[in-house]
Amino acid sequence: MSAPEFVIVGGGLAAGTAATTLREEGFDGHVTLIAGEAHKPYIRPPLSKGYLARLDESELWVQPEEWWREHDVEVRSGQHAAALDLNDRRVVLESGAGVPFDRALIATGATPRGLDVPGADADGIHYLRTIEDSRAVREATEAGDRRVVVVGSGWIGMEVAATVRGFGNDVTVVSRSEVPLSAALGDELGEVFARLHLDHGVRLIRGARVTGFRVDSGRVVGLAHDGGEIDADVVVVGAGAIPLTGVAQEAGLQVRDGILVDAGMRTGAHGVFAAGDAANPVHPVLGRRLRSEHWANAIGTARTAALNMLDRGAEDDDVPYFYTDQFDLGMEFSGYPPLMRDAHVVYRGDVAAREFVSFWVSPIGRVVAGMNVNVWNVNEQVQRLIRAAAPVDEARLADSDVPLGDLVAEA
């Protein structure tokens, strides 16, 4: 009997984590990883901060180069999957070649959302998704004294703005949102980041819609929005991302804001799984779908998918987590975004000094999310409070003299 064939489509953190998990769990069949980019699997969050700032590739790779050879994982870099043939059980490459599978994982990630406005194809307008994209932004901004306009005030936009401002550039963020990061954190905490950027000399143009770009000899020289115009030497667009689901959709899998999967990352097709940015899974704690584009989600969903490719019956019930580094602010967040809408915020520490922990507390007194800003070694306790799903004493929650461990024990 031939060894089972497992195929992973994707070249990011989710794909790399799944391959790693399969080998760690003792799978000795054939593993083929189809990576569309000309690289081994790598981690994307540093592209807008650490890697963009230092060009240190050591922090990017999911595994060192030799790991793939030593663990007999066939990585087909620079090859794109064109179709998923569920009848013949094979992944069809753009070259026409077929890669047979017994089990397959789709971890194709997401692609940046483009701007459909005049001049959007001009030179000097950048998006950020790949190593090459990050290098191009670095090359365009590292000398400083450039007029850089960042479109979008989500995580990528604000991280890029902070990093390129650190090179000595004149930086303006233009965003439809009135408050940076409000979609993730709400207005109250979003204003903390707005003040951070303003304090470091970044200009914020809020509630503005980009209407086009001014172009001279094929190169961007300015940006127009519904409130005026801005001169620009470099533009970086961080206007969100769209899950890459084409292969899944054409194969007849269910797609709605990502590939629909259960809490074990199973699609509706036997032996086919999805993970990472491309997947829209059911979260077993919330009992609803929760798609995420963050680092921890790529790891958690990919590990769950790999375990279930081995019939382990796993579910991904992790508390969503992400982090950021902007200027002198480092932050970790854990929590359930859908439950934050009706919550109020309780602070512990000094918000003005940007050294605090914020807790989102539900109407029935439960901690549903928490964010530690320049306060370290507390995220595990924050997650335990969230998992406890028990009412807390808000006065004690806000009191820095009360150890979080005591609150966890009481929950």
Protein backbone atom coordinates (compact mmCIF):
# COMPACT_ATOMS: atom_id res chain seq x y z
CA MET A 1 0.00 0.00 0.00
CA SER A 2 1.45 3.38 -1.01
CA ALA A 3 2.10 6.09 1.56
CA PRO A 4 -0.65 8.71 1.87
CA GLU A 5 -0.25 11.94 -0.07
CA PHE A 6 -0.96 15.22 1.75
CA VAL A 7 -0.91 18.48 -0.22
CA ILE A 8 -0.81 21.96 1.29
CA VAL A 9 -1.64 24.90 -1.00
CA GLY A 10 -0.01 28.08 0.28
CA GLY A 11 3.33 29.51 1.31
CA GLY A 12 2.65 31.52 4.46
CA LEU A 13 2.61 30.87 8.18
CA ALA A 14 -0.50 28.68 8.06
CA ALA A 15 0.96 26.42 5.37
CA GLY A 16 4.30 26.18 7.14
CA THR A 17 2.68 25.50 10.51
CA ALA A 18 0.55 22.72 9.06
CA ALA A 19 3.57 21.00 7.50
CA THR A 20 5.49 21.34 10.75
CA THR A 21 2.61 19.92 12.78
CA LEU A 22 2.21 16.92 10.48
CA ARG A 23 5.83 15.93 10.98
CA GLU A 24 5.81 16.69 14.70
CA GLU A 25 2.76 14.43 15.06
CA GLY A 26 4.52 11.55 13.35
CA PHE A 27 2.98 11.62 9.88
CA ASP A 28 5.41 9.74 7.63
CA GLY A 29 3.58 10.03 4.31
CA HIS A 30 4.44 12.37 1.48
CA VAL A 31 3.89 16.09 2.12
CA THR A 32 3.88 18.51 -0.81
CA LEU A 33 3.64 22.25 -0.18
CA ILE A 34 2.72 24.39 -3.18
CA ALA A 35 4.00 27.92 -2.54
CA GLY A 36 3.14 30.49 -5.18
CA GLU A 37 6.02 32.77 -4.19
CA ALA A 38 9.67 31.99 -4.83
CA HIS A 39 10.34 31.39 -1.14
CA LYS A 40 9.94 28.81 1.55
CA PRO A 41 7.00 29.57 3.89
CA TYR A 42 7.42 32.80 5.82
CA ILE A 43 5.69 35.00 8.39
CA ARG A 44 4.03 38.19 7.14
CA PRO A 45 3.49 40.47 10.20
CA PRO A 46 7.14 41.65 10.28
CA LEU A 47 6.80 42.96 6.73
CA SER A 48 5.10 46.13 8.02
CA LYS A 49 7.31 46.62 11.08
CA GLY A 50 10.40 44.63 12.10
CA TYR A 51 11.51 43.44 8.68
CA LEU A 52 10.61 46.75 7.04
CA ALA A 53 12.71 48.55 9.66
CA ARG A 54 15.76 46.26 9.66
CA LEU A 55 15.58 43.92 6.63
CA ASP A 56 16.50 41.04 8.94
CA GLU A 57 15.25 37.92 7.18
CA SER A 58 16.00 35.69 10.16
CA GLU A 59 12.67 36.67 11.77
CA LEU A 60 10.65 35.76 8.67
CA TRP A 61 11.05 32.04 8.06
CA VAL A 62 8.65 29.50 9.52
CA GLN A 63 11.49 26.98 9.49
CA PRO A 64 15.16 27.23 8.53
CA GLU A 65 16.07 26.18 5.01
CA GLU A 66 17.48 22.82 6.03
CA TRP A 67 14.36 21.82 7.98
CA TRP A 68 12.32 21.16 4.85
CA ARG A 69 14.95 18.80 3.46
CA GLU A 70 15.61 17.07 6.77
CA HIS A 71 11.88 16.46 7.31
CA ASP A 72 11.22 15.39 3.73
CA VAL A 73 8.68 18.10 2.89
CA GLU A 74 8.60 18.84 -0.83
CA VAL A 75 8.24 22.61 -1.25
CA ARG A 76 7.31 23.66 -4.78
CA SER A 77 8.21 27.32 -4.61
CA GLY A 78 7.05 29.62 -7.38
CA GLN A 79 4.29 27.26 -8.49
CA HIS A 80 0.63 28.27 -8.42
CA ALA A 81 -2.37 26.04 -7.90
CA ALA A 82 -4.89 26.60 -10.68
CA ALA A 83 -7.60 24.14 -9.63
CA LEU A 84 -8.65 21.62 -7.02
CA ASP A 85 -9.97 18.51 -8.77
CA LEU A 86 -12.14 16.75 -6.19
CA ASN A 87 -13.09 13.90 -8.53
CA ASP A 88 -9.57 12.82 -9.43
CA ARG A 89 -8.20 14.00 -6.04
CA ARG A 90 -5.43 16.20 -7.36
CA VAL A 91 -4.29 19.80 -7.28
CA VAL A 92 -3.80 21.09 -10.82
CA LEU A 93 -0.94 23.56 -11.24
CA GLU A 94 -0.86 26.44 -13.71
CA SER A 95 1.65 24.40 -15.70
CA GLY A 96 -1.04 21.74 -16.16
CA ALA A 97 0.73 19.22 -13.95
CA GLY A 98 -1.34 17.44 -11.32
CA VAL A 99 -0.33 16.73 -7.72
CA PRO A 100 -2.37 13.84 -6.28
CA PHE A 101 -3.70 14.01 -2.73
CA ASP A 102 -5.49 11.92 -0.19
CA ARG A 103 -5.94 14.98 2.02
CA ALA A 104 -5.50 18.62 1.07
CA LEU A 105 -5.24 21.87 2.97
CA ILE A 106 -6.03 25.24 1.38
CA ALA A 107 -3.99 27.97 3.06
CA THR A 108 -3.89 30.53 0.28
CA GLY A 109 -4.15 33.58 2.54
CA ALA A 110 -5.48 36.93 1.36
CA THR A 111 -4.58 39.64 -1.11
CA PRO A 112 -4.54 43.41 -0.51
CA ARG A 113 -7.70 45.29 -1.42
CA GLY A 114 -6.97 47.61 -4.35
CA LEU A 115 -8.16 51.14 -4.97
CA ASP A 116 -10.38 51.59 -8.02
CA VAL A 117 -9.66 55.26 -8.63
CA PRO A 118 -7.91 57.22 -11.42
CA GLY A 119 -4.13 56.91 -11.34
CA ALA A 120 -4.09 53.86 -9.05
CA ASP A 121 -1.66 52.02 -11.34
CA ALA A 122 1.04 54.70 -11.20
CA ASP A 123 4.61 53.98 -10.16
CA GLY A 124 5.30 54.83 -6.56
CA ILE A 125 2.04 53.30 -5.26
CA HIS A 126 2.76 50.27 -3.10
CA TYR A 127 0.80 47.48 -1.47
CA LEU A 128 2.19 45.25 1.25
CA ARG A 129 1.79 41.49 1.13
CA THR A 130 5.11 39.91 0.11
CA ILE A 131 8.79 40.14 0.97
CA GLU A 132 9.33 41.92 -2.32
CA ASP A 133 6.61 44.45 -1.45
CA SER A 134 8.29 45.20 1.88
CA ARG A 135 11.68 45.61 0.24
CA ALA A 136 10.19 48.00 -2.32
CA VAL A 137 8.63 50.17 0.39
CA ARG A 138 11.93 50.13 2.28
CA GLU A 139 13.90 51.14 -0.82
CA ALA A 140 11.46 53.98 -1.53
CA THR A 141 11.52 55.40 2.01
CA GLU A 142 14.74 54.46 3.81
CA ALA A 143 16.66 57.61 2.79
CA GLY A 144 14.11 59.81 4.56
CA ASP A 145 12.89 63.27 3.52
CA ARG A 146 10.17 61.76 1.36
CA ARG A 147 6.51 62.73 1.38
CA VAL A 148 4.85 59.41 2.23
CA VAL A 149 1.08 59.03 2.20
CA VAL A 150 -0.42 55.93 3.78
CA VAL A 151 -3.97 55.06 2.75
CA GLY A 152 -5.81 53.26 5.55
CA SER A 153 -5.59 53.34 9.34
CA GLY A 154 -5.80 49.64 10.10
CA TRP A 155 -2.89 47.63 11.49
CA ILE A 156 -0.81 47.54 8.31
CA GLY A 157 -1.35 51.22 7.59
CA MET A 158 -0.47 52.39 11.10
CA GLU A 159 2.53 50.07 11.40
CA VAL A 160 3.92 51.20 8.06
CA ALA A 161 3.33 54.84 9.00
CA ALA A 162 5.28 54.39 12.24
CA THR A 163 8.13 52.53 10.57
CA VAL A 164 8.69 54.92 7.66
CA ARG A 165 8.29 57.93 9.94
CA GLY A 166 11.22 56.43 11.85
CA PHE A 167 13.32 56.83 8.67
CA GLY A 168 12.76 60.59 8.82
CA ASN A 169 9.98 60.91 6.26
CA ASP A 170 7.05 63.30 6.20
CA VAL A 171 4.11 60.93 6.77
CA THR A 172 0.37 61.46 6.34
CA VAL A 173 -2.29 58.81 6.97
CA VAL A 174 -5.53 59.21 5.00
CA SER A 175 -8.43 57.09 6.15
CA ARG A 176 -12.17 56.74 5.75
CA SER A 177 -12.35 56.01 9.46
CA GLU A 178 -12.61 58.91 11.87
CA VAL A 179 -10.50 57.00 14.40
CA PRO A 180 -7.49 54.79 13.57
CA LEU A 181 -7.94 51.11 14.40
CA SER A 182 -11.52 51.71 15.53
CA ALA A 183 -12.75 48.62 13.69
CA ALA A 184 -10.48 46.46 15.87
CA LEU A 185 -10.39 48.38 19.15
CA GLY A 186 -13.25 50.86 19.14
CA ASP A 187 -12.97 54.63 19.19
CA GLU A 188 -11.80 54.94 22.80
CA LEU A 189 -8.67 52.83 22.38
CA GLY A 190 -8.20 53.86 18.77
CA GLU A 191 -7.62 57.41 19.98
CA VAL A 192 -4.66 56.17 22.05
CA PHE A 193 -2.97 55.17 18.80
CA ALA A 194 -4.06 58.38 17.08
CA ARG A 195 -2.36 60.41 19.81
CA LEU A 196 0.73 58.21 19.59
CA HIS A 197 1.14 58.99 15.90
CA LEU A 198 0.36 62.67 16.30
CA ASP A 199 2.96 62.90 19.07
CA HIS A 200 5.54 61.48 16.64
CA GLY A 201 4.72 63.93 13.87
CA VAL A 202 2.40 61.83 11.69
CA ARG A 203 -0.49 63.78 10.19
CA LEU A 204 -3.92 62.17 10.21
CA ILE A 205 -6.61 63.02 7.67
CA ARG A 206 -9.71 61.36 9.05
CA GLY A 207 -13.02 60.50 7.45
CA ALA A 208 -11.64 61.04 3.96
CA ARG A 209 -12.28 59.00 0.82
CA VAL A 210 -9.49 58.74 -1.77
CA THR A 211 -10.82 59.92 -5.13
CA GLY A 212 -7.69 59.58 -7.28
CA PHE A 213 -3.98 60.14 -7.69
CA ARG A 214 -2.09 62.90 -9.46
CA VAL A 215 0.42 61.38 -11.86
CA ASP A 216 3.35 62.92 -13.72
CA SER A 217 5.24 60.90 -16.36
CA GLY A 218 3.73 57.70 -15.01
CA ARG A 219 4.69 58.35 -11.39
CA VAL A 220 2.50 59.37 -8.47
CA VAL A 221 3.01 62.95 -7.30
CA GLY A 222 -0.10 63.45 -5.21
CA LEU A 223 -3.31 62.05 -3.80
CA ALA A 224 -6.77 63.55 -4.07
CA HIS A 225 -9.48 62.95 -1.50
CA ASP A 226 -12.95 64.35 -1.03
CA GLY A 227 -11.56 67.08 1.21
CA GLY A 228 -8.57 68.23 -0.80
CA GLU A 229 -5.21 67.11 -2.20
CA ILE A 230 -1.83 66.07 -0.79
CA ASP A 231 1.56 65.99 -2.47
CA ALA A 232 3.19 62.57 -2.36
CA ASP A 233 6.46 60.96 -3.42
CA VAL A 234 5.44 57.53 -2.15
CA VAL A 235 2.03 56.02 -1.41
CA VAL A 236 1.43 52.85 0.59
CA VAL A 237 -2.10 51.42 0.46
CA GLY A 238 -3.32 49.45 3.46
CA ALA A 239 -7.04 49.32 2.72
CA GLY A 240 -7.75 45.80 3.94
CA ALA A 241 -7.49 42.37 2.37
CA ILE A 242 -9.64 39.91 0.47
CA PRO A 243 -9.38 36.16 1.19
CA LEU A 244 -7.99 34.17 -1.73
CA THR A 245 -10.74 31.62 -2.30
CA GLY A 246 -10.80 31.19 -6.07
CA VAL A 247 -9.48 27.63 -6.13
CA ALA A 248 -11.96 26.58 -3.44
CA GLN A 249 -14.92 28.32 -5.05
CA GLU A 250 -14.25 26.84 -8.48
CA ALA A 251 -14.07 23.41 -6.87
CA GLY A 252 -17.58 23.91 -5.50
CA LEU A 253 -16.64 24.50 -1.86
CA GLN A 254 -18.79 26.90 0.12
CA VAL A 255 -17.33 30.41 0.28
CA ARG A 256 -18.61 33.43 2.18
CA ASP A 257 -16.00 35.91 3.42
CA GLY A 258 -13.55 33.03 3.23
CA ILE A 259 -13.84 29.28 2.81
CA LEU A 260 -16.51 27.98 5.17
CA VAL A 261 -15.15 25.40 7.58
CA ASP A 262 -16.20 23.96 10.91
CA ALA A 263 -14.26 24.34 14.16
CA GLY A 264 -11.95 21.56 12.98
CA MET A 265 -11.15 23.39 9.70
CA ARG A 266 -13.04 20.83 7.61
CA THR A 267 -14.70 22.01 4.40
CA GLY A 268 -17.77 20.30 2.98
CA ALA A 269 -15.56 18.07 0.81
CA HIS A 270 -14.14 14.89 2.30
CA GLY A 271 -10.47 15.20 3.20
CA VAL A 272 -10.23 18.89 2.27
CA PHE A 273 -9.42 21.50 4.89
CA ALA A 274 -8.80 25.26 4.97
CA ALA A 275 -6.86 27.43 7.43
CA GLY A 276 -5.43 30.88 7.96
CA ASP A 277 -6.65 34.09 6.32
CA ALA A 278 -8.55 32.19 3.62
CA ALA A 279 -10.72 30.25 6.09
CA ASN A 280 -13.92 31.35 7.80
CA PRO A 281 -14.32 28.88 10.66
CA VAL A 282 -16.92 28.41 13.36
CA HIS A 283 -15.45 29.39 16.72
CA PRO A 284 -16.65 26.78 19.24
CA VAL A 285 -16.76 29.21 22.18
CA LEU A 286 -18.74 31.87 20.34
CA GLY A 287 -20.88 29.47 18.34
CA ARG A 288 -20.53 31.68 15.27
CA ARG A 289 -18.10 32.23 12.43
CA LEU A 290 -15.02 34.32 13.13
CA ARG A 291 -12.52 35.00 10.36
CA SER A 292 -9.22 36.54 11.40
CA GLU A 293 -6.12 37.70 9.51
CA HIS A 294 -3.68 37.64 12.41
CA TRP A 295 -0.52 35.70 13.18
CA ALA A 296 -1.96 33.58 16.01
CA ASN A 297 -4.98 32.61 13.92
CA ALA A 298 -2.73 31.26 11.17
CA ILE A 299 -0.95 29.09 13.73
CA GLY A 300 -4.04 27.88 15.58
CA THR A 301 -6.18 27.07 12.57
CA ALA A 302 -3.31 25.42 10.69
CA ARG A 303 -2.37 23.24 13.65
CA THR A 304 -6.02 22.20 14.06
CA ALA A 305 -6.32 21.40 10.36
CA ALA A 306 -3.14 19.32 10.40
CA LEU A 307 -4.30 17.36 13.43
CA ASN A 308 -7.60 16.60 11.74
CA MET A 309 -5.85 15.56 8.55
CA LEU A 310 -4.55 12.88 10.92
CA ASP A 311 -8.08 12.22 12.28
CA ARG A 312 -7.35 13.62 15.75
CA GLY A 313 -10.72 15.31 16.32
CA ALA A 314 -9.27 18.72 17.20
CA GLU A 315 -11.06 22.07 17.41
CA ASP A 316 -9.55 25.52 17.38
CA ASP A 317 -10.94 27.23 20.49
CA ASP A 318 -8.06 29.69 20.96
CA VAL A 319 -8.83 33.17 22.22
CA PRO A 320 -8.00 35.43 19.24
CA TYR A 321 -4.67 37.19 19.75
CA PHE A 322 -2.60 39.78 17.93
CA TYR A 323 0.19 42.21 18.64
CA THR A 324 1.72 45.39 17.27
CA ASP A 325 4.81 47.55 17.65
CA GLN A 326 4.52 51.22 16.71
CA PHE A 327 7.13 53.80 17.71
CA ASP A 328 7.75 53.23 21.44
CA LEU A 329 4.49 51.35 21.97
CA GLY A 330 4.28 47.58 22.13
CA MET A 331 0.91 45.92 22.57
CA GLU A 332 -0.74 42.52 22.87
CA PHE A 333 -4.46 41.98 22.46
CA SER A 334 -6.58 38.95 23.29
CA GLY A 335 -10.33 38.71 23.03
CA TYR A 336 -13.53 38.10 21.14
CA PRO A 337 -14.28 41.05 18.81
CA PRO A 338 -18.01 40.25 18.41
CA LEU A 339 -18.48 40.50 22.19
CA MET A 340 -16.70 43.85 22.45
CA ARG A 341 -19.49 45.82 20.82
CA ASP A 342 -21.63 45.90 23.97
CA ALA A 343 -18.73 46.04 26.43
CA HIS A 344 -17.28 48.97 28.33
CA VAL A 345 -13.59 49.52 29.01
CA VAL A 346 -11.91 49.28 32.41
CA TYR A 347 -8.32 50.55 32.70
CA ARG A 348 -5.48 49.46 34.94
CA GLY A 349 -2.36 51.64 34.85
CA ASP A 350 -1.46 54.98 33.27
CA VAL A 351 -3.23 55.56 29.96
CA ALA A 352 -1.63 58.97 29.40
CA ALA A 353 1.84 57.43 29.76
CA ARG A 354 0.81 54.57 27.49
CA GLU A 355 1.57 51.97 30.16
CA PHE A 356 -1.66 50.21 30.97
CA VAL A 357 -3.92 47.21 30.56
CA SER A 358 -7.43 47.73 29.24
CA PHE A 359 -10.24 45.25 29.74
CA TRP A 360 -13.47 45.06 27.81
CA VAL A 361 -16.17 44.05 30.31
CA SER A 362 -19.55 42.78 29.13
CA PRO A 363 -22.88 44.01 30.51
CA ILE A 364 -22.95 40.99 32.84
CA GLY A 365 -19.48 41.73 34.18
CA ARG A 366 -17.33 39.26 32.25
CA VAL A 367 -13.97 40.13 30.68
CA VAL A 368 -14.36 39.47 26.95
CA ALA A 369 -11.11 41.10 25.74
CA GLY A 370 -7.95 42.65 27.11
CA MET A 371 -5.03 44.65 25.77
CA ASN A 372 -1.70 45.21 27.50
CA VAL A 373 0.19 48.30 26.32
CA ASN A 374 3.87 48.51 27.33
CA VAL A 375 3.02 46.15 30.22
CA TRP A 376 4.48 42.69 29.83
CA ASN A 377 4.08 39.13 31.11
CA VAL A 378 0.36 39.53 31.71
CA ASN A 379 -1.24 38.28 28.50
CA GLU A 380 -1.56 34.71 29.72
CA GLN A 381 -3.47 35.93 32.78
CA VAL A 382 -5.66 38.15 30.60
CA GLN A 383 -6.52 35.13 28.45
CA ARG A 384 -7.34 33.07 31.56
CA LEU A 385 -9.73 35.81 32.74
CA ILE A 386 -11.42 35.75 29.34
CA ARG A 387 -11.69 31.97 29.33
CA ALA A 388 -13.12 31.94 32.85
CA ALA A 389 -16.20 33.79 31.54
CA ALA A 390 -17.08 34.73 35.12
CA PRO A 391 -18.09 38.13 36.57
CA VAL A 392 -15.22 40.20 37.98
CA ASP A 393 -14.99 42.95 40.57
CA GLU A 394 -14.29 45.99 38.38
CA ALA A 395 -12.72 47.99 41.19
CA ARG A 396 -10.19 45.22 41.78
CA LEU A 397 -9.72 44.78 38.04
CA ALA A 398 -8.70 48.43 37.78
CA ASP A 399 -6.41 48.32 40.85
CA SER A 400 -2.78 47.75 39.82
CA ASP A 401 -2.00 46.63 43.38
CA VAL A 402 -4.27 43.61 42.96
CA PRO A 403 -2.35 40.88 41.12
CA LEU A 404 -4.15 39.66 38.03
CA GLY A 405 -3.43 36.16 39.23
CA ASP A 406 -5.70 36.78 42.23
CA LEU A 407 -8.54 37.80 39.92
CA VAL A 408 -7.98 34.70 37.83
CA ALA A 409 -8.15 32.53 40.93
CA GLU A 410 -11.38 34.23 41.98
CA ALA A 411 -13.04 33.89 38.58
